[in-house]
């Protein structure tokens, strides 16, 4: 029998599921920013997809979510900045190794 649990929501490729935790926090401005950035976020997610990055992202998202749930703006900002910087650093490394994937405009 197949498990009905499914993959973790934050890593699921289905957009209607992947941002449910943010939507559930009743923070419409945060959800709007994520929705506006969804295409770029999905591109990065596919480029950097690996079991290690998934585990790191899940931990980073949990930190962000816990800070938001606690209404701790300072901690949420710090957690989000740390997550974005980690992703940007991985993108820089990816670019150095795979410059042919990116096109200058």
C-alpha atoms as a PDB file:
ATOM      1  CA  UNK A   1       0.000   0.000   0.000  1.00  0.00           C
ATOM      2  CA  UNK A   2       1.298   3.453  -0.926  1.00  0.00           C
ATOM      3  CA  UNK A   3       1.745   6.108   1.765  1.00  0.00           C
ATOM      4  CA  UNK A   4      -0.739   8.977   1.632  1.00  0.00           C
ATOM      5  CA  UNK A   5       1.561  11.312   3.523  1.00  0.00           C
ATOM      6  CA  UNK A   6       3.407  12.681   0.464  1.00  0.00           C
ATOM      7  CA  UNK A   7       6.503  14.872   0.265  1.00  0.00           C
ATOM      8  CA  UNK A   8       7.175  17.783   2.628  1.00  0.00           C
ATOM      9  CA  UNK A   9       5.014  20.744   1.653  1.00  0.00           C
ATOM     10  CA  UNK A  10       7.834  23.244   1.317  1.00  0.00           C
ATOM     11  CA  UNK A  11       9.639  21.101  -1.236  1.00  0.00           C
ATOM     12  CA  UNK A  12       6.651  19.877  -3.181  1.00  0.00           C
ATOM     13  CA  UNK A  13       6.676  20.877  -6.869  1.00  0.00           C
ATOM     14  CA  UNK A  14       2.944  21.607  -6.841  1.00  0.00           C
ATOM     15  CA  UNK A  15       2.649  25.400  -6.317  1.00  0.00           C
ATOM     16  CA  UNK A  16      -0.727  25.191  -4.623  1.00  0.00           C
ATOM     17  CA  UNK A  17       0.862  23.090  -1.887  1.00  0.00           C
ATOM     18  CA  UNK A  18       4.371  24.500  -1.629  1.00  0.00           C
ATOM     19  CA  UNK A  19       3.354  27.871  -0.170  1.00  0.00           C
ATOM     20  CA  UNK A  20       0.507  26.661   2.020  1.00  0.00           C
ATOM     21  CA  UNK A  21       2.484  27.229   5.266  1.00  0.00           C
ATOM     22  CA  UNK A  22       2.878  30.938   4.469  1.00  0.00           C
ATOM     23  CA  UNK A  23      -0.745  31.259   3.377  1.00  0.00           C
ATOM     24  CA  UNK A  24      -1.789  29.570   6.639  1.00  0.00           C
ATOM     25  CA  UNK A  25      -0.010  32.216   8.708  1.00  0.00           C
ATOM     26  CA  UNK A  26      -2.502  34.827   7.508  1.00  0.00           C
ATOM     27  CA  UNK A  27       0.254  37.128   6.222  1.00  0.00           C
ATOM     28  CA  UNK A  28      -1.151  38.239   2.865  1.00  0.00           C
ATOM     29  CA  UNK A  29       1.738  40.605   2.030  1.00  0.00           C
ATOM     30  CA  UNK A  30       4.319  37.867   2.555  1.00  0.00           C
ATOM     31  CA  UNK A  31       2.235  35.471   0.454  1.00  0.00           C
ATOM     32  CA  UNK A  32       1.865  38.121  -2.286  1.00  0.00           C
ATOM     33  CA  UNK A  33       5.643  38.627  -2.497  1.00  0.00           C
ATOM     34  CA  UNK A  34       6.200  34.877  -2.737  1.00  0.00           C
ATOM     35  CA  UNK A  35       3.471  34.501  -5.360  1.00  0.00           C
ATOM     36  CA  UNK A  36       4.942  37.339  -7.449  1.00  0.00           C
ATOM     37  CA  UNK A  37       8.367  35.675  -7.276  1.00  0.00           C
ATOM     38  CA  UNK A  38       7.119  32.121  -7.789  1.00  0.00           C
ATOM     39  CA  UNK A  39       8.548  31.548 -11.308  1.00  0.00           C
ATOM     40  CA  UNK A  40      12.035  32.637 -10.260  1.00  0.00           C
ATOM     41  CA  UNK A  41      11.832  30.705  -7.007  1.00  0.00           C
ATOM     42  CA  UNK A  42      10.824  27.569  -8.917  1.00  0.00           C
ATOM     43  CA  UNK A  43      13.726  27.993 -11.371  1.00  0.00           C
ATOM     44  CA  UNK A  44      16.219  28.258  -8.532  1.00  0.00           C
ATOM     45  CA  UNK A  45      14.648  25.291  -6.763  1.00  0.00           C
ATOM     46  CA  UNK A  46      15.111  23.137  -9.864  1.00  0.00           C
ATOM     47  CA  UNK A  47      18.686  24.320 -10.493  1.00  0.00           C
ATOM     48  CA  UNK A  48      19.847  23.657  -6.944  1.00  0.00           C
ATOM     49  CA  UNK A  49      17.812  20.518  -6.321  1.00  0.00           C
ATOM     50  CA  UNK A  50      19.714  17.942  -4.278  1.00  0.00           C
ATOM     51  CA  UNK A  51      18.993  15.886  -1.174  1.00  0.00           C
ATOM     52  CA  UNK A  52      21.398  18.071   0.820  1.00  0.00           C
ATOM     53  CA  UNK A  53      19.819  21.345  -0.369  1.00  0.00           C
ATOM     54  CA  UNK A  54      16.338  19.956   0.357  1.00  0.00           C
ATOM     55  CA  UNK A  55      17.313  19.175   3.948  1.00  0.00           C
ATOM     56  CA  UNK A  56      18.955  22.580   4.420  1.00  0.00           C
ATOM     57  CA  UNK A  57      15.990  24.394   2.848  1.00  0.00           C
ATOM     58  CA  UNK A  58      13.527  22.526   5.029  1.00  0.00           C
ATOM     59  CA  UNK A  59      15.439  23.548   8.158  1.00  0.00           C
ATOM     60  CA  UNK A  60      15.670  27.165   6.943  1.00  0.00           C
ATOM     61  CA  UNK A  61      11.951  27.262   6.126  1.00  0.00           C
ATOM     62  CA  UNK A  62      11.124  25.845   9.549  1.00  0.00           C
ATOM     63  CA  UNK A  63      13.148  28.610  11.195  1.00  0.00           C
ATOM     64  CA  UNK A  64      11.328  31.239   9.137  1.00  0.00           C
ATOM     65  CA  UNK A  65       7.922  29.727   9.821  1.00  0.00           C
ATOM     66  CA  UNK A  66       8.531  29.372  13.566  1.00  0.00           C
ATOM     67  CA  UNK A  67       9.655  32.996  13.768  1.00  0.00           C
ATOM     68  CA  UNK A  68       6.577  34.173  11.886  1.00  0.00           C
ATOM     69  CA  UNK A  69       4.271  32.070  14.053  1.00  0.00           C
ATOM     70  CA  UNK A  70       5.892  33.594  17.141  1.00  0.00           C
ATOM     71  CA  UNK A  71       5.410  37.087  15.659  1.00  0.00           C
ATOM     72  CA  UNK A  72       9.134  37.646  16.154  1.00  0.00           C
ATOM     73  CA  UNK A  73       9.911  40.090  13.343  1.00  0.00           C
ATOM     74  CA  UNK A  74      13.622  40.301  14.159  1.00  0.00           C
ATOM     75  CA  UNK A  75      14.083  36.529  14.135  1.00  0.00           C
ATOM     76  CA  UNK A  76      11.951  36.151  11.001  1.00  0.00           C
ATOM     77  CA  UNK A  77      13.981  38.777   9.170  1.00  0.00           C
ATOM     78  CA  UNK A  78      17.253  37.170  10.263  1.00  0.00           C
ATOM     79  CA  UNK A  79      16.037  33.675   9.257  1.00  0.00           C
ATOM     80  CA  UNK A  80      14.836  34.905   5.860  1.00  0.00           C
ATOM     81  CA  UNK A  81      18.052  36.829   5.174  1.00  0.00           C
ATOM     82  CA  UNK A  82      20.134  33.775   6.144  1.00  0.00           C
ATOM     83  CA  UNK A  83      18.056  31.544   3.852  1.00  0.00           C
ATOM     84  CA  UNK A  84      18.273  33.930   0.892  1.00  0.00           C
ATOM     85  CA  UNK A  85      22.010  34.434   1.358  1.00  0.00           C
ATOM     86  CA  UNK A  86      22.584  30.665   1.503  1.00  0.00           C
ATOM     87  CA  UNK A  87      20.617  30.200  -1.719  1.00  0.00           C
ATOM     88  CA  UNK A  88      22.455  33.078  -3.417  1.00  0.00           C
ATOM     89  CA  UNK A  89      25.811  31.588  -2.411  1.00  0.00           C
ATOM     90  CA  UNK A  90      24.793  28.255  -3.906  1.00  0.00           C
ATOM     91  CA  UNK A  91      23.676  30.045  -7.074  1.00  0.00           C
ATOM     92  CA  UNK A  92      27.060  31.796  -7.292  1.00  0.00           C
ATOM     93  CA  UNK A  93      28.821  28.439  -6.996  1.00  0.00           C
ATOM     94  CA  UNK A  94      26.491  26.896  -9.558  1.00  0.00           C
ATOM     95  CA  UNK A  95      27.148  29.789 -11.951  1.00  0.00           C
ATOM     96  CA  UNK A  96      30.907  29.369 -11.574  1.00  0.00           C
ATOM     97  CA  UNK A  97      30.605  25.699 -12.556  1.00  0.00           C
ATOM     98  CA  UNK A  98      27.817  26.029 -15.162  1.00  0.00           C
ATOM     99  CA  UNK A  99      28.070  29.475 -16.717  1.00  0.00           C
ATOM    100  CA  UNK A 100      26.541  28.156 -19.943  1.00  0.00           C
ATOM    101  CA  UNK A 101      23.155  27.816 -18.187  1.00  0.00           C
ATOM    102  CA  UNK A 102      22.821  31.594 -17.760  1.00  0.00           C
ATOM    103  CA  UNK A 103      22.421  34.197 -20.483  1.00  0.00           C
ATOM    104  CA  UNK A 104      23.495  37.816 -20.090  1.00  0.00           C
ATOM    105  CA  UNK A 105      20.838  40.315 -21.157  1.00  0.00           C
END
